[in-house]
């Protein structure tokens, strides 16, 4: 694994830990969702960098590049392919109730990306 990939994954884990804390200790579902989305975004950036060497700066670019890279990958199901785009829209709309679902979905996403990178 490249050092930059490891750094993206470390950032993803930080956001995931923050999401756990915000939800479990403080019970702030809106902040939990934001942190969970950002964990997934950094995990996707790790995948993108490991695969292409490219650092994606914008959310939209990361979504598009991740979708392009996994489009024909049989290890990646439809749910995971659509993940970033779907959660970004919720992230932008600040729909508090939906963030709780993203929190749990993001745990799954991050785990799957990390496993594939190893």
Protein backbone atom coordinates (compact mmCIF):
# COMPACT_ATOMS: atom_id res chain seq x y z
CA UNK A 1 0.00 0.00 0.00
CA UNK A 2 1.28 3.45 -0.93
CA UNK A 3 1.91 5.91 1.93
CA UNK A 4 -0.64 8.35 0.53
CA UNK A 5 -3.27 5.60 0.43
CA UNK A 6 -2.53 4.80 4.06
CA UNK A 7 -2.96 8.49 4.90
CA UNK A 8 -6.37 8.62 3.19
CA UNK A 9 -7.43 5.49 5.08
CA UNK A 10 -6.21 6.94 8.37
CA UNK A 11 -8.32 10.03 7.71
CA UNK A 12 -11.29 7.82 6.86
CA UNK A 13 -10.86 5.94 10.13
CA UNK A 14 -10.66 9.25 12.04
CA UNK A 15 -13.97 10.37 10.58
CA UNK A 16 -15.52 6.99 11.30
CA UNK A 17 -14.37 7.19 14.92
CA UNK A 18 -15.78 10.70 15.09
CA UNK A 19 -19.09 9.41 13.75
CA UNK A 20 -19.14 6.69 16.41
CA UNK A 21 -18.50 9.29 19.10
CA UNK A 22 -21.04 11.78 17.78
CA UNK A 23 -23.73 9.14 17.58
CA UNK A 24 -22.92 7.01 20.61
CA UNK A 25 -21.92 9.68 23.11
CA UNK A 26 -23.54 12.90 21.96
CA UNK A 27 -26.52 11.57 19.96
CA UNK A 28 -26.07 14.13 17.18
CA UNK A 29 -27.43 12.37 14.10
CA UNK A 30 -26.78 15.23 11.65
CA UNK A 31 -23.11 15.53 12.64
CA UNK A 32 -22.84 11.73 12.70
CA UNK A 33 -23.98 11.54 9.10
CA UNK A 34 -21.56 14.19 7.95
CA UNK A 35 -18.64 12.43 9.61
CA UNK A 36 -19.75 9.07 8.21
CA UNK A 37 -20.03 10.48 4.69
CA UNK A 38 -16.55 12.00 4.96
CA UNK A 39 -15.19 8.64 6.13
CA UNK A 40 -16.57 7.05 2.97
CA UNK A 41 -15.23 9.88 0.82
CA UNK A 42 -11.70 9.44 2.17
CA UNK A 43 -11.93 5.67 1.77
CA UNK A 44 -12.93 6.20 -1.86
CA UNK A 45 -10.04 8.63 -2.30
CA UNK A 46 -7.72 5.96 -0.92
CA UNK A 47 -9.04 3.48 -3.48
CA UNK A 48 -8.67 6.03 -6.28
CA UNK A 49 -5.11 6.94 -5.32
CA UNK A 50 -4.05 3.32 -4.92
CA UNK A 51 -5.52 2.50 -8.32
CA UNK A 52 -4.54 5.56 -10.37
CA UNK A 53 -2.11 7.66 -8.35
CA UNK A 54 -4.52 10.59 -8.67
CA UNK A 55 -5.50 12.81 -5.75
CA UNK A 56 -9.12 13.87 -6.16
CA UNK A 57 -9.78 17.25 -4.61
CA UNK A 58 -13.53 17.72 -5.10
CA UNK A 59 -16.37 15.58 -3.85
CA UNK A 60 -17.88 15.35 -7.32
CA UNK A 61 -14.57 14.31 -8.91
CA UNK A 62 -14.08 11.60 -6.28
CA UNK A 63 -17.60 10.31 -6.92
CA UNK A 64 -17.17 10.21 -10.67
CA UNK A 65 -13.71 8.65 -10.57
CA UNK A 66 -14.73 6.02 -8.02
CA UNK A 67 -17.79 5.13 -10.11
CA UNK A 68 -15.65 4.90 -13.25
CA UNK A 69 -13.03 2.69 -11.61
CA UNK A 70 -15.49 0.18 -10.17
CA UNK A 71 -17.97 0.22 -13.07
CA UNK A 72 -17.00 -3.19 -14.45
CA UNK A 73 -15.38 -4.64 -11.33
CA UNK A 74 -17.26 -7.83 -10.40
CA UNK A 75 -16.14 -7.48 -6.76
CA UNK A 76 -18.17 -4.28 -6.42
CA UNK A 77 -21.95 -4.57 -6.32
CA UNK A 78 -24.45 -1.93 -7.48
CA UNK A 79 -25.10 -0.66 -3.95
CA UNK A 80 -21.44 0.14 -3.42
CA UNK A 81 -21.07 1.68 -6.90
CA UNK A 82 -23.84 4.17 -6.19
CA UNK A 83 -22.79 4.86 -2.62
CA UNK A 84 -20.90 8.16 -2.88
CA UNK A 85 -23.34 9.87 -5.21
CA UNK A 86 -26.34 8.90 -3.13
CA UNK A 87 -24.83 9.87 0.18
CA UNK A 88 -23.44 13.14 -1.18
CA UNK A 89 -26.94 14.29 -2.07
CA UNK A 90 -28.12 13.51 1.45
CA UNK A 91 -24.99 15.17 2.85
CA UNK A 92 -25.77 18.36 0.94
CA UNK A 93 -29.46 18.38 1.81
CA UNK A 94 -28.78 17.97 5.55
CA UNK A 95 -31.65 15.54 6.06
CA UNK A 96 -31.01 14.71 9.69
CA UNK A 97 -33.06 11.51 9.99
CA UNK A 98 -31.43 9.89 6.98
CA UNK A 99 -27.95 10.41 8.39
CA UNK A 100 -28.47 7.60 10.86
CA UNK A 101 -28.80 5.18 7.96
CA UNK A 102 -25.67 6.59 6.33
CA UNK A 103 -23.71 6.05 9.52
CA UNK A 104 -24.31 2.31 9.45
CA UNK A 105 -23.94 2.04 5.68
CA UNK A 106 -20.63 3.87 5.84
CA UNK A 107 -19.18 1.39 8.30
CA UNK A 108 -19.85 -1.34 5.74
CA UNK A 109 -18.45 0.74 2.87
CA UNK A 110 -15.21 1.61 4.65
CA UNK A 111 -14.64 -1.98 5.68
CA UNK A 112 -15.17 -3.24 2.13
CA UNK A 113 -12.80 -0.67 0.61
CA UNK A 114 -10.07 -1.39 3.16
CA UNK A 115 -10.35 -5.13 2.55
CA UNK A 116 -10.04 -4.66 -1.20
CA UNK A 117 -6.93 -2.51 -0.85
CA UNK A 118 -5.05 -5.19 1.06
